[in-house]
PDB file of all heavy atoms in Angstrom:
ATOM      1  N   GLY A   1      31.086 -48.949   6.786  1.00  0.00           N
ATOM      2  CA  GLY A   1      31.211 -47.681   7.487  1.00  0.00           C
ATOM      3  C   GLY A   1      32.602 -47.082   7.372  1.00  0.00           C
ATOM      4  O   GLY A   1      32.764 -45.869   7.193  1.00  0.00           O
ATOM      5  N   LEU A   2      33.621 -47.933   7.423  1.00  0.00           N
ATOM      6  CA  LEU A   2      34.991 -47.437   7.334  1.00  0.00           C
ATOM      7  C   LEU A   2      35.320 -46.879   5.952  1.00  0.00           C
ATOM      8  O   LEU A   2      36.236 -46.052   5.824  1.00  0.00           O
ATOM      9  CB  LEU A   2      35.975 -48.555   7.678  1.00  0.00           C
ATOM     10  CG  LEU A   2      35.991 -49.011   9.143  1.00  0.00           C
ATOM     11  CD1 LEU A   2      36.951 -50.188   9.334  1.00  0.00           C
ATOM     12  CD2 LEU A   2      36.398 -47.847  10.051  1.00  0.00           C
ATOM     13  N   THR A   3      34.583 -47.306   4.918  1.00  0.00           N
ATOM     14  CA  THR A   3      34.804 -46.755   3.579  1.00  0.00           C
ATOM     15  C   THR A   3      34.634 -45.244   3.575  1.00  0.00           C
ATOM     16  O   THR A   3      35.337 -44.528   2.848  1.00  0.00           O
ATOM     17  CB  THR A   3      33.822 -47.393   2.572  1.00  0.00           C
ATOM     18  OG1 THR A   3      33.955 -48.808   2.604  1.00  0.00           O
ATOM     19  CG2 THR A   3      34.080 -46.885   1.162  1.00  0.00           C
ATOM     20  N   ALA A   4      33.714 -44.754   4.382  1.00  0.00           N
ATOM     21  CA  ALA A   4      33.455 -43.315   4.429  1.00  0.00           C
ATOM     22  C   ALA A   4      34.646 -42.517   4.938  1.00  0.00           C
ATOM     23  O   ALA A   4      34.726 -41.305   4.709  1.00  0.00           O
ATOM     24  CB  ALA A   4      32.237 -43.043   5.314  1.00  0.00           C
ATOM     25  N   PHE A   5      35.587 -43.180   5.616  1.00  0.00           N
ATOM     26  CA  PHE A   5      36.723 -42.473   6.202  1.00  0.00           C
ATOM     27  C   PHE A   5      38.009 -42.619   5.384  1.00  0.00           C
ATOM     28  O   PHE A   5      39.082 -42.227   5.832  1.00  0.00           O
ATOM     29  CB  PHE A   5      36.960 -42.974   7.628  1.00  0.00           C
ATOM     30  CG  PHE A   5      35.795 -42.720   8.542  1.00  0.00           C
ATOM     31  CD1 PHE A   5      34.872 -43.716   8.811  1.00  0.00           C
ATOM     32  CD2 PHE A   5      35.592 -41.466   9.116  1.00  0.00           C
ATOM     33  CE1 PHE A   5      33.787 -43.489   9.639  1.00  0.00           C
ATOM     34  CE2 PHE A   5      34.512 -41.232   9.939  1.00  0.00           C
ATOM     35  CZ  PHE A   5      33.605 -42.237  10.204  1.00  0.00           C
ATOM     36  N   ALA A   6      37.892 -43.188   4.178  1.00  0.00           N
ATOM     37  CA  ALA A   6      39.076 -43.335   3.324  1.00  0.00           C
ATOM     38  C   ALA A   6      39.624 -41.949   2.976  1.00  0.00           C
ATOM     39  O   ALA A   6      38.886 -41.066   2.563  1.00  0.00           O
ATOM     40  CB  ALA A   6      38.719 -44.099   2.055  1.00  0.00           C
ATOM     41  N   TRP A   7      40.926 -41.776   3.136  1.00  0.00           N
ATOM     42  CA  TRP A   7      41.551 -40.473   2.912  1.00  0.00           C
ATOM     43  C   TRP A   7      42.407 -40.427   1.643  1.00  0.00           C
ATOM     44  O   TRP A   7      42.907 -39.380   1.271  1.00  0.00           O
ATOM     45  CB  TRP A   7      42.416 -40.096   4.107  1.00  0.00           C
ATOM     46  CG  TRP A   7      43.548 -41.064   4.351  1.00  0.00           C
ATOM     47  CD1 TRP A   7      44.813 -40.998   3.834  1.00  0.00           C
ATOM     48  CD2 TRP A   7      43.500 -42.247   5.153  1.00  0.00           C
ATOM     49  NE1 TRP A   7      45.564 -42.058   4.260  1.00  0.00           N
ATOM     50  CE2 TRP A   7      44.790 -42.846   5.083  1.00  0.00           C
ATOM     51  CE3 TRP A   7      42.517 -42.857   5.938  1.00  0.00           C
ATOM     52  CZ2 TRP A   7      45.097 -44.035   5.761  1.00  0.00           C
ATOM     53  CZ3 TRP A   7      42.837 -44.021   6.600  1.00  0.00           C
ATOM     54  CH2 TRP A   7      44.097 -44.595   6.512  1.00  0.00           C
ATOM     55  N   SER A   8      42.549 -41.572   0.974  1.00  0.00           N
ATOM     56  CA  SER A   8      43.361 -41.619  -0.235  1.00  0.00           C
ATOM     57  C   SER A   8      42.923 -42.814  -1.080  1.00  0.00           C
ATOM     58  O   SER A   8      42.164 -43.683  -0.614  1.00  0.00           O
ATOM     59  CB  SER A   8      44.846 -41.746   0.104  1.00  0.00           C
ATOM     60  OG  SER A   8      45.116 -43.015   0.685  1.00  0.00           O
ATOM     61  N   PHE A   9      43.402 -42.869  -2.312  1.00  0.00           N
ATOM     62  CA  PHE A   9      43.117 -43.993  -3.191  1.00  0.00           C
ATOM     63  C   PHE A   9      43.622 -45.292  -2.581  1.00  0.00           C
ATOM     64  O   PHE A   9      42.933 -46.321  -2.597  1.00  0.00           O
ATOM     65  CB  PHE A   9      43.766 -43.740  -4.552  1.00  0.00           C
ATOM     66  CG  PHE A   9      43.627 -44.871  -5.531  1.00  0.00           C
ATOM     67  CD1 PHE A   9      42.386 -45.409  -5.832  1.00  0.00           C
ATOM     68  CD2 PHE A   9      44.737 -45.387  -6.167  1.00  0.00           C
ATOM     69  CE1 PHE A   9      42.252 -46.439  -6.752  1.00  0.00           C
ATOM     70  CE2 PHE A   9      44.622 -46.421  -7.087  1.00  0.00           C
ATOM     71  CZ  PHE A   9      43.375 -46.947  -7.379  1.00  0.00           C
ATOM     72  N   THR A  10      44.809 -45.268  -1.993  1.00  0.00           N
ATOM     73  CA  THR A  10      45.381 -46.463  -1.377  1.00  0.00           C
ATOM     74  C   THR A  10      44.542 -46.928  -0.190  1.00  0.00           C
ATOM     75  O   THR A  10      44.269 -48.130  -0.035  1.00  0.00           O
ATOM     76  CB  THR A  10      46.825 -46.195  -0.918  1.00  0.00           C
ATOM     77  OG1 THR A  10      47.602 -45.798  -2.048  1.00  0.00           O
ATOM     78  CG2 THR A  10      47.430 -47.435  -0.295  1.00  0.00           C
ATOM     79  N   ALA A  11      44.124 -45.989   0.651  1.00  0.00           N
ATOM     80  CA  ALA A  11      43.291 -46.343   1.801  1.00  0.00           C
ATOM     81  C   ALA A  11      41.952 -46.915   1.345  1.00  0.00           C
ATOM     82  O   ALA A  11      41.446 -47.885   1.929  1.00  0.00           O
ATOM     83  CB  ALA A  11      43.063 -45.122   2.681  1.00  0.00           C
ATOM     84  N   LEU A  12      41.387 -46.344   0.291  1.00  0.00           N
ATOM     85  CA  LEU A  12      40.130 -46.840  -0.238  1.00  0.00           C
ATOM     86  C   LEU A  12      40.283 -48.276  -0.738  1.00  0.00           C
ATOM     87  O   LEU A  12      39.437 -49.142  -0.463  1.00  0.00           O
ATOM     88  CB  LEU A  12      39.648 -45.939  -1.373  1.00  0.00           C
ATOM     89  CG  LEU A  12      38.309 -46.298  -2.028  1.00  0.00           C
ATOM     90  CD1 LEU A  12      37.177 -46.223  -1.018  1.00  0.00           C
ATOM     91  CD2 LEU A  12      38.041 -45.371  -3.207  1.00  0.00           C
ATOM     92  N   LEU A  13      41.366 -48.568  -1.446  1.00  0.00           N
ATOM     93  CA  LEU A  13      41.612 -49.923  -1.915  1.00  0.00           C
ATOM     94  C   LEU A  13      41.748 -50.896  -0.746  1.00  0.00           C
ATOM     95  O   LEU A  13      41.228 -52.015  -0.793  1.00  0.00           O
ATOM     96  CB  LEU A  13      42.874 -49.966  -2.776  1.00  0.00           C
ATOM     97  CG  LEU A  13      42.786 -49.379  -4.183  1.00  0.00           C
ATOM     98  CD1 LEU A  13      44.148 -49.469  -4.866  1.00  0.00           C
ATOM     99  CD2 LEU A  13      41.730 -50.093  -5.015  1.00  0.00           C
ATOM    100  N   ALA A  14      42.455 -50.480   0.312  1.00  0.00           N
ATOM    101  CA  ALA A  14      42.656 -51.357   1.466  1.00  0.00           C
ATOM    102  C   ALA A  14      41.330 -51.700   2.140  1.00  0.00           C
ATOM    103  O   ALA A  14      41.073 -52.867   2.492  1.00  0.00           O
ATOM    104  CB  ALA A  14      43.604 -50.688   2.465  1.00  0.00           C
ATOM    105  N   VAL A  15      40.462 -50.699   2.319  1.00  0.00           N
ATOM    106  CA  VAL A  15      39.167 -50.945   2.945  1.00  0.00           C
ATOM    107  C   VAL A  15      38.306 -51.847   2.068  1.00  0.00           C
ATOM    108  O   VAL A  15      37.625 -52.761   2.556  1.00  0.00           O
ATOM    109  CB  VAL A  15      38.443 -49.616   3.233  1.00  0.00           C
ATOM    110  CG1 VAL A  15      37.020 -49.873   3.730  1.00  0.00           C
ATOM    111  CG2 VAL A  15      39.202 -48.807   4.262  1.00  0.00           C
ATOM    112  N   ARG A  16      38.361 -51.619   0.748  1.00  0.00           N
ATOM    113  CA  ARG A  16      37.569 -52.449  -0.159  1.00  0.00           C
ATOM    114  C   ARG A  16      38.049 -53.904  -0.158  1.00  0.00           C
ATOM    115  O   ARG A  16      37.261 -54.823  -0.298  1.00  0.00           O
ATOM    116  CB  ARG A  16      37.629 -51.873  -1.576  1.00  0.00           C
ATOM    117  CG  ARG A  16      36.954 -50.534  -1.749  1.00  0.00           C
ATOM    118  CD  ARG A  16      35.463 -50.590  -1.570  1.00  0.00           C
ATOM    119  NE  ARG A  16      34.801 -51.356  -2.614  1.00  0.00           N
ATOM    120  CZ  ARG A  16      33.503 -51.592  -2.649  1.00  0.00           C
ATOM    121  NH1 ARG A  16      32.716 -51.142  -1.679  1.00  0.00           N
ATOM    122  NH2 ARG A  16      32.957 -52.294  -3.635  1.00  0.00           N
ATOM    123  N   LEU A  17      39.344 -54.114  -0.007  1.00  0.00           N
ATOM    124  CA  LEU A  17      39.866 -55.478   0.086  1.00  0.00           C
ATOM    125  C   LEU A  17      39.323 -56.182   1.330  1.00  0.00           C
ATOM    126  O   LEU A  17      38.906 -57.344   1.272  1.00  0.00           O
ATOM    127  CB  LEU A  17      41.391 -55.467   0.101  1.00  0.00           C
ATOM    128  CG  LEU A  17      42.077 -55.139  -1.228  1.00  0.00           C
ATOM    129  CD1 LEU A  17      43.569 -54.869  -0.992  1.00  0.00           C
ATOM    130  CD2 LEU A  17      41.911 -56.293  -2.221  1.00  0.00           C
ATOM    131  N   CYS A  18      39.321 -55.478   2.468  1.00  0.00           N
ATOM    132  CA  CYS A  18      38.785 -56.056   3.712  1.00  0.00           C
ATOM    133  C   CYS A  18      37.282 -56.275   3.608  1.00  0.00           C
ATOM    134  O   CYS A  18      36.749 -57.302   4.072  1.00  0.00           O
ATOM    135  CB  CYS A  18      39.107 -55.142   4.891  1.00  0.00           C
ATOM    136  SG  CYS A  18      40.868 -54.989   5.265  1.00  0.00           S
ATOM    137  N   PHE A  19      36.590 -55.327   3.010  1.00  0.00           N
ATOM    138  CA  PHE A  19      35.147 -55.448   2.807  1.00  0.00           C
ATOM    139  C   PHE A  19      34.827 -56.672   1.954  1.00  0.00           C
ATOM    140  O   PHE A  19      33.906 -57.447   2.258  1.00  0.00           O
ATOM    141  CB  PHE A  19      34.649 -54.168   2.134  1.00  0.00           C
ATOM    142  CG  PHE A  19      33.208 -54.205   1.703  1.00  0.00           C
ATOM    143  CD1 PHE A  19      32.188 -54.168   2.636  1.00  0.00           C
ATOM    144  CD2 PHE A  19      32.874 -54.244   0.360  1.00  0.00           C
ATOM    145  CE1 PHE A  19      30.856 -54.185   2.236  1.00  0.00           C
ATOM    146  CE2 PHE A  19      31.553 -54.264  -0.056  1.00  0.00           C
ATOM    147  CZ  PHE A  19      30.541 -54.231   0.895  1.00  0.00           C
ATOM    148  N   GLY A  20      35.606 -56.884   0.903  1.00  0.00           N
ATOM    149  CA  GLY A  20      35.386 -58.041   0.036  1.00  0.00           C
ATOM    150  C   GLY A  20      35.595 -59.355   0.762  1.00  0.00           C
ATOM    151  O   GLY A  20      34.833 -60.317   0.570  1.00  0.00           O
ATOM    152  N   ALA A  21      36.640 -59.422   1.615  1.00  0.00           N
ATOM    153  CA  ALA A  21      36.890 -60.641   2.378  1.00  0.00           C
ATOM    154  C   ALA A  21      35.736 -60.947   3.322  1.00  0.00           C
ATOM    155  O   ALA A  21      35.314 -62.108   3.469  1.00  0.00           O
ATOM    156  CB  ALA A  21      38.192 -60.505   3.155  1.00  0.00           C
ATOM    157  N   ALA A  22      35.199 -59.914   3.973  1.00  0.00           N
ATOM    158  CA  ALA A  22      34.086 -60.114   4.897  1.00  0.00           C
ATOM    159  C   ALA A  22      32.837 -60.603   4.158  1.00  0.00           C
ATOM    160  O   ALA A  22      32.175 -61.551   4.582  1.00  0.00           O
ATOM    161  CB  ALA A  22      33.788 -58.815   5.644  1.00  0.00           C
ATOM    162  N   GLN A  23      32.515 -59.954   3.030  1.00  0.00           N
ATOM    163  CA  GLN A  23      31.336 -60.390   2.287  1.00  0.00           C
ATOM    164  C   GLN A  23      31.537 -61.762   1.650  1.00  0.00           C
ATOM    165  O   GLN A  23      30.567 -62.488   1.421  1.00  0.00           O
ATOM    166  CB  GLN A  23      30.981 -59.364   1.205  1.00  0.00           C
ATOM    167  CG  GLN A  23      30.236 -58.152   1.728  1.00  0.00           C
ATOM    168  CD  GLN A  23      29.273 -57.572   0.711  1.00  0.00           C
ATOM    169  OE1 GLN A  23      29.395 -57.786  -0.491  1.00  0.00           O
ATOM    170  NE2 GLN A  23      28.297 -56.817   1.192  1.00  0.00           N
ATOM    171  N   GLY A  24      32.785 -62.122   1.367  1.00  0.00           N
ATOM    172  CA  GLY A  24      33.052 -63.419   0.759  1.00  0.00           C
ATOM    173  C   GLY A  24      32.677 -64.597   1.638  1.00  0.00           C
ATOM    174  O   GLY A  24      32.478 -65.714   1.131  1.00  0.00           O
ATOM    175  N   LEU A  25      32.569 -64.381   2.945  1.00  0.00           N
ATOM    176  CA  LEU A  25      32.135 -65.444   3.844  1.00  0.00           C
ATOM    177  C   LEU A  25      30.649 -65.751   3.719  1.00  0.00           C
ATOM    178  O   LEU A  25      30.198 -66.825   4.130  1.00  0.00           O
ATOM    179  CB  LEU A  25      32.424 -65.043   5.299  1.00  0.00           C
ATOM    180  CG  LEU A  25      33.886 -64.883   5.716  1.00  0.00           C
ATOM    181  CD1 LEU A  25      33.955 -64.261   7.107  1.00  0.00           C
ATOM    182  CD2 LEU A  25      34.595 -66.228   5.690  1.00  0.00           C
ATOM    183  N   PHE A  26      29.885 -64.806   3.158  1.00  0.00           N
ATOM    184  CA  PHE A  26      28.421 -64.879   3.251  1.00  0.00           C
ATOM    185  C   PHE A  26      27.740 -65.785   2.235  1.00  0.00           C
ATOM    186  O   PHE A  26      26.826 -66.543   2.609  1.00  0.00           O
ATOM    187  CB  PHE A  26      27.837 -63.470   3.170  1.00  0.00           C
ATOM    188  CG  PHE A  26      26.341 -63.437   3.290  1.00  0.00           C
ATOM    189  CD1 PHE A  26      25.721 -63.696   4.502  1.00  0.00           C
ATOM    190  CD2 PHE A  26      25.542 -63.154   2.188  1.00  0.00           C
ATOM    191  CE1 PHE A  26      24.337 -63.675   4.624  1.00  0.00           C
ATOM    192  CE2 PHE A  26      24.160 -63.133   2.292  1.00  0.00           C
ATOM    193  CZ  PHE A  26      23.561 -63.392   3.515  1.00  0.00           C
ATOM    194  N   PRO A  27      28.077 -65.748   0.933  1.00  0.00           N
ATOM    195  CA  PRO A  27      27.259 -66.487  -0.041  1.00  0.00           C
ATOM    196  C   PRO A  27      27.158 -67.982   0.244  1.00  0.00           C
ATOM    197  O   PRO A  27      26.056 -68.544   0.264  1.00  0.00           O
ATOM    198  CB  PRO A  27      27.970 -66.206  -1.372  1.00  0.00           C
ATOM    199  CG  PRO A  27      28.637 -64.900  -1.162  1.00  0.00           C
ATOM    200  CD  PRO A  27      29.096 -64.922   0.253  1.00  0.00           C
ATOM    201  N   GLY A  28      28.289 -68.653   0.443  1.00  0.00           N
ATOM    202  CA  GLY A  28      28.248 -70.076   0.744  1.00  0.00           C
ATOM    203  C   GLY A  28      27.508 -70.360   2.040  1.00  0.00           C
ATOM    204  O   GLY A  28      26.779 -71.356   2.150  1.00  0.00           O
ATOM    205  N   ALA A  29      27.670 -69.467   3.022  1.00  0.00           N
ATOM    206  CA  ALA A  29      26.983 -69.643   4.302  1.00  0.00           C
ATOM    207  C   ALA A  29      25.468 -69.526   4.129  1.00  0.00           C
ATOM    208  O   ALA A  29      24.693 -70.278   4.743  1.00  0.00           O
ATOM    209  CB  ALA A  29      27.480 -68.613   5.313  1.00  0.00           C
ATOM    210  N   SER A  30      25.023 -68.584   3.301  1.00  0.00           N
ATOM    211  CA  SER A  30      23.580 -68.416   3.104  1.00  0.00           C
ATOM    212  C   SER A  30      22.981 -69.625   2.388  1.00  0.00           C
ATOM    213  O   SER A  30      21.884 -70.075   2.735  1.00  0.00           O
ATOM    214  CB  SER A  30      23.299 -67.134   2.311  1.00  0.00           C
ATOM    215  OG  SER A  30      23.729 -67.239   0.971  1.00  0.00           O
ATOM    216  N   VAL A  31      23.684 -70.153   1.392  1.00  0.00           N
ATOM    217  CA  VAL A  31      23.199 -71.344   0.695  1.00  0.00           C
ATOM    218  C   VAL A  31      23.157 -72.537   1.642  1.00  0.00           C
ATOM    219  O   VAL A  31      22.213 -73.323   1.639  1.00  0.00           O
ATOM    220  CB  VAL A  31      24.080 -71.642  -0.531  1.00  0.00           C
ATOM    221  CG1 VAL A  31      23.702 -72.986  -1.159  1.00  0.00           C
ATOM    222  CG2 VAL A  31      23.947 -70.529  -1.571  1.00  0.00           C
ATOM    223  N   SER A  32      24.196 -72.677   2.467  1.00  0.00           N
ATOM    224  CA  SER A  32      24.236 -73.764   3.438  1.00  0.00           C
ATOM    225  C   SER A  32      23.082 -73.658   4.435  1.00  0.00           C
ATOM    226  O   SER A  32      22.416 -74.652   4.748  1.00  0.00           O
ATOM    227  CB  SER A  32      25.577 -73.736   4.178  1.00  0.00           C
ATOM    228  OG  SER A  32      25.627 -74.736   5.174  1.00  0.00           O
ATOM    229  N   ALA A  33      22.834 -72.438   4.935  1.00  0.00           N
ATOM    230  CA  ALA A  33      21.743 -72.232   5.894  1.00  0.00           C
ATOM    231  C   ALA A  33      20.394 -72.569   5.273  1.00  0.00           C
ATOM    232  O   ALA A  33      19.544 -73.212   5.905  1.00  0.00           O
ATOM    233  CB  ALA A  33      21.751 -70.781   6.380  1.00  0.00           C
ATOM    234  N   LEU A  34      20.173 -72.163   4.024  1.00  0.00           N
ATOM    235  CA  LEU A  34      18.901 -72.442   3.365  1.00  0.00           C
ATOM    236  C   LEU A  34      18.766 -73.919   3.008  1.00  0.00           C
ATOM    237  O   LEU A  34      17.675 -74.484   3.106  1.00  0.00           O
ATOM    238  CB  LEU A  34      18.761 -71.573   2.117  1.00  0.00           C
ATOM    239  CG  LEU A  34      17.435 -71.663   1.362  1.00  0.00           C
ATOM    240  CD1 LEU A  34      16.251 -71.394   2.293  1.00  0.00           C
ATOM    241  CD2 LEU A  34      17.415 -70.698   0.185  1.00  0.00           C
ATOM    242  N   SER A  35      19.850 -74.567   2.603  1.00  0.00           N
ATOM    243  CA  SER A  35      19.790 -75.988   2.263  1.00  0.00           C
ATOM    244  C   SER A  35      19.399 -76.828   3.469  1.00  0.00           C
ATOM    245  O   SER A  35      18.697 -77.829   3.340  1.00  0.00           O
ATOM    246  CB  SER A  35      21.139 -76.460   1.719  1.00  0.00           C
ATOM    247  OG  SER A  35      21.435 -75.841   0.487  1.00  0.00           O
ATOM    248  N   ALA A  36      19.859 -76.422   4.652  1.00  0.00           N
ATOM    249  CA  ALA A  36      19.514 -77.145   5.871  1.00  0.00           C
ATOM    250  C   ALA A  36      18.080 -76.891   6.306  1.00  0.00           C
ATOM    251  O   ALA A  36      17.580 -77.548   7.230  1.00  0.00           O
ATOM    252  CB  ALA A  36      20.466 -76.756   6.995  1.00  0.00           C
ATOM    253  N   ARG A  37      17.415 -75.932   5.638  1.00  0.00           N
ATOM    254  CA  ARG A  37      16.052 -75.572   6.028  1.00  0.00           C
ATOM    255  C   ARG A  37      15.085 -75.669   4.842  1.00  0.00           C
ATOM    256  O   ARG A  37      14.055 -74.998   4.826  1.00  0.00           O
ATOM    257  CB  ARG A  37      16.053 -74.149   6.615  1.00  0.00           C
ATOM    258  CG  ARG A  37      16.793 -74.068   7.950  1.00  0.00           C
ATOM    259  CD  ARG A  37      17.156 -72.635   8.337  1.00  0.00           C
ATOM    260  NE  ARG A  37      17.789 -72.596   9.654  1.00  0.00           N
ATOM    261  CZ  ARG A  37      19.077 -72.892   9.874  1.00  0.00           C
ATOM    262  NH1 ARG A  37      19.867 -73.229   8.867  1.00  0.00           N
ATOM    263  NH2 ARG A  37      19.571 -72.845  11.104  1.00  0.00           N
TER     264      ARG A  37
END
């Protein structure tokens, strides 16, 4: 959602960096959740 409010190239890069960190938590977690089930 915050990507929509980027006002410059630098701001867009900063939001994308944070977005990437948040999504980076997910893949290993999803595999772990499925392996346990």
